[in-house]
N, C-alpha and C. Protein backbone atom coordinates (compact mmCIF):
# COMPACT_ATOMS: atom_id res chain seq x y z
N MET A 1 107.28 144.68 26.53
CA MET A 1 106.07 143.89 26.43
C MET A 1 105.50 144.06 25.02
N SER A 2 105.11 142.97 24.47
CA SER A 2 104.67 142.97 23.09
C SER A 2 103.15 142.86 22.97
N ASP A 3 102.60 143.64 22.04
CA ASP A 3 101.16 143.55 21.77
C ASP A 3 100.79 142.16 21.27
N SER A 4 101.71 141.53 20.52
CA SER A 4 101.41 140.19 20.02
C SER A 4 101.35 139.17 21.16
N ASP A 5 102.15 139.39 22.19
CA ASP A 5 102.08 138.50 23.36
C ASP A 5 100.76 138.67 24.10
N LEU A 6 100.31 139.91 24.22
CA LEU A 6 99.02 140.17 24.84
C LEU A 6 97.90 139.51 24.04
N ALA A 7 97.98 139.63 22.73
CA ALA A 7 96.97 139.01 21.87
C ALA A 7 96.99 137.49 22.03
N GLU A 8 98.18 136.92 22.11
CA GLU A 8 98.30 135.47 22.29
C GLU A 8 97.70 135.03 23.62
N LEU A 9 98.00 135.76 24.68
CA LEU A 9 97.43 135.43 25.99
C LEU A 9 95.91 135.56 25.98
N SER A 10 95.41 136.57 25.32
CA SER A 10 93.96 136.76 25.23
C SER A 10 93.31 135.62 24.46
N THR A 11 93.96 135.18 23.40
CA THR A 11 93.44 134.04 22.63
C THR A 11 93.45 132.78 23.47
N LEU A 12 94.53 132.56 24.19
CA LEU A 12 94.60 131.39 25.07
C LEU A 12 93.52 131.44 26.14
N ARG A 13 93.28 132.62 26.67
CA ARG A 13 92.23 132.79 27.69
C ARG A 13 90.87 132.39 27.13
N ALA A 14 90.59 132.81 25.91
CA ALA A 14 89.32 132.46 25.26
C ALA A 14 89.22 130.96 25.02
N GLN A 15 90.32 130.34 24.64
CA GLN A 15 90.32 128.90 24.42
C GLN A 15 90.10 128.14 25.73
N VAL A 16 90.72 128.60 26.80
CA VAL A 16 90.51 127.97 28.10
C VAL A 16 89.04 128.11 28.50
N ASP A 17 88.45 129.26 28.26
CA ASP A 17 87.02 129.44 28.55
C ASP A 17 86.18 128.42 27.81
N ASP A 18 86.48 128.20 26.54
CA ASP A 18 85.73 127.25 25.73
C ASP A 18 85.88 125.83 26.27
N VAL A 19 87.11 125.43 26.55
CA VAL A 19 87.36 124.09 27.08
C VAL A 19 86.71 123.94 28.45
N LEU A 20 86.78 124.96 29.26
CA LEU A 20 86.17 124.93 30.59
C LEU A 20 84.67 124.68 30.49
N GLU A 21 84.03 125.38 29.59
CA GLU A 21 82.58 125.21 29.39
C GLU A 21 82.25 123.78 28.96
N ARG A 22 83.05 123.23 28.06
CA ARG A 22 82.80 121.88 27.56
C ARG A 22 83.03 120.83 28.64
N VAL A 23 84.11 120.98 29.41
CA VAL A 23 84.40 120.03 30.49
C VAL A 23 83.32 120.09 31.56
N THR A 24 82.87 121.29 31.89
CA THR A 24 81.81 121.44 32.89
C THR A 24 80.54 120.75 32.44
N ALA A 25 80.21 120.88 31.18
CA ALA A 25 79.00 120.23 30.65
C ALA A 25 79.09 118.72 30.79
N ILE A 26 80.25 118.16 30.49
CA ILE A 26 80.43 116.71 30.64
C ILE A 26 80.34 116.31 32.10
N ALA A 27 81.00 117.06 32.97
CA ALA A 27 80.97 116.74 34.41
C ALA A 27 79.55 116.75 34.93
N GLU A 28 78.80 117.75 34.56
CA GLU A 28 77.42 117.84 35.04
C GLU A 28 76.54 116.73 34.47
N ARG A 29 76.84 116.31 33.25
CA ARG A 29 76.07 115.24 32.63
C ARG A 29 76.25 113.92 33.38
N TYR A 30 77.44 113.68 33.93
CA TYR A 30 77.72 112.42 34.62
C TYR A 30 77.57 112.51 36.14
N ASP A 31 77.32 113.71 36.65
CA ASP A 31 77.11 113.88 38.08
C ASP A 31 75.81 113.18 38.48
N ASN A 32 75.80 112.54 39.62
CA ASN A 32 74.63 111.82 40.13
C ASN A 32 74.19 110.68 39.20
N THR A 33 75.16 110.04 38.55
CA THR A 33 74.88 108.85 37.75
C THR A 33 75.77 107.72 38.27
N ALA A 34 75.65 106.57 37.66
CA ALA A 34 76.50 105.45 38.04
C ALA A 34 77.97 105.71 37.67
N SER A 35 78.20 106.67 36.80
CA SER A 35 79.56 107.00 36.35
C SER A 35 80.11 108.22 37.07
N THR A 36 80.00 108.22 38.38
CA THR A 36 80.46 109.38 39.15
C THR A 36 81.97 109.60 39.04
N ALA A 37 82.73 108.55 38.72
CA ALA A 37 84.18 108.72 38.56
C ALA A 37 84.48 109.66 37.39
N ILE A 38 83.67 109.56 36.34
CA ILE A 38 83.85 110.47 35.20
C ILE A 38 83.58 111.90 35.65
N ALA A 39 82.49 112.09 36.37
CA ALA A 39 82.14 113.42 36.87
C ALA A 39 83.23 113.95 37.79
N SER A 40 83.71 113.11 38.67
CA SER A 40 84.73 113.54 39.63
C SER A 40 86.00 114.02 38.92
N ASP A 41 86.46 113.24 37.95
CA ASP A 41 87.67 113.63 37.22
C ASP A 41 87.42 114.86 36.36
N ALA A 42 86.24 114.95 35.77
CA ALA A 42 85.92 116.13 34.96
C ALA A 42 85.83 117.38 35.83
N PHE A 43 85.26 117.25 37.02
CA PHE A 43 85.21 118.40 37.93
C PHE A 43 86.62 118.79 38.39
N ALA A 44 87.51 117.81 38.54
CA ALA A 44 88.91 118.12 38.88
C ALA A 44 89.56 118.90 37.74
N ALA A 45 89.28 118.49 36.51
CA ALA A 45 89.80 119.22 35.35
C ALA A 45 89.22 120.63 35.30
N GLU A 46 87.94 120.75 35.66
CA GLU A 46 87.30 122.07 35.70
C GLU A 46 88.03 122.99 36.67
N ARG A 47 88.36 122.47 37.85
CA ARG A 47 89.07 123.29 38.84
C ARG A 47 90.45 123.70 38.31
N ALA A 48 91.15 122.78 37.67
CA ALA A 48 92.47 123.09 37.12
C ALA A 48 92.37 124.15 36.02
N LEU A 49 91.36 124.04 35.18
CA LEU A 49 91.17 125.02 34.12
C LEU A 49 90.80 126.39 34.69
N THR A 50 90.02 126.40 35.75
CA THR A 50 89.68 127.67 36.41
C THR A 50 90.93 128.33 36.96
N THR A 51 91.82 127.53 37.53
CA THR A 51 93.09 128.06 38.03
C THR A 51 93.94 128.59 36.88
N ALA A 52 93.97 127.87 35.77
CA ALA A 52 94.72 128.32 34.59
C ALA A 52 94.16 129.64 34.07
N ARG A 53 92.84 129.75 34.05
CA ARG A 53 92.20 130.99 33.57
C ARG A 53 92.60 132.16 34.47
N ARG A 54 92.60 131.95 35.77
CA ARG A 54 93.00 133.03 36.69
C ARG A 54 94.46 133.43 36.48
N SER A 55 95.31 132.45 36.24
CA SER A 55 96.72 132.75 35.98
C SER A 55 96.88 133.55 34.70
N LEU A 56 96.13 133.18 33.67
CA LEU A 56 96.17 133.95 32.42
C LEU A 56 95.66 135.37 32.65
N ASP A 57 94.61 135.51 33.44
CA ASP A 57 94.08 136.84 33.76
C ASP A 57 95.15 137.70 34.43
N ARG A 58 95.90 137.10 35.35
CA ARG A 58 96.96 137.85 36.03
C ARG A 58 98.06 138.24 35.04
N ALA A 59 98.42 137.32 34.16
CA ALA A 59 99.45 137.63 33.16
C ALA A 59 98.99 138.75 32.24
N ILE A 60 97.73 138.70 31.82
CA ILE A 60 97.17 139.74 30.95
C ILE A 60 97.17 141.09 31.67
N ALA A 61 96.88 141.07 32.96
CA ALA A 61 96.82 142.31 33.73
C ALA A 61 98.17 143.03 33.77
N HIS A 62 99.26 142.30 33.64
CA HIS A 62 100.58 142.93 33.64
C HIS A 62 100.80 143.81 32.40
N PHE A 63 100.01 143.60 31.37
CA PHE A 63 100.15 144.40 30.16
C PHE A 63 99.41 145.73 30.24
N THR A 64 98.53 145.87 31.22
CA THR A 64 97.75 147.10 31.35
C THR A 64 98.16 147.83 32.62
N PRO A 65 98.29 149.15 32.53
CA PRO A 65 98.72 149.93 33.71
C PRO A 65 97.67 149.98 34.79
C-alpha cells in the first residue's frame, strides 16, 4: 500500500465533499419551485455522491490498521 495512493484517495474524498456541497445547494434552491425536476435530479446526484464518499471512506480505512 502506497502513501501516495492514500493521499490521492484523501484528495478525491475532499473533492467529492466540495461537489456534494455544491450539488446540495442547487437542489435545495430548486426544491419547492416550478423546476422540481432540477431539484429531483440534483438530489439524485447528491445521493450518488454520498455513496461515492462512503466508498472512498472505506477504501481509505484499508490503509489504517
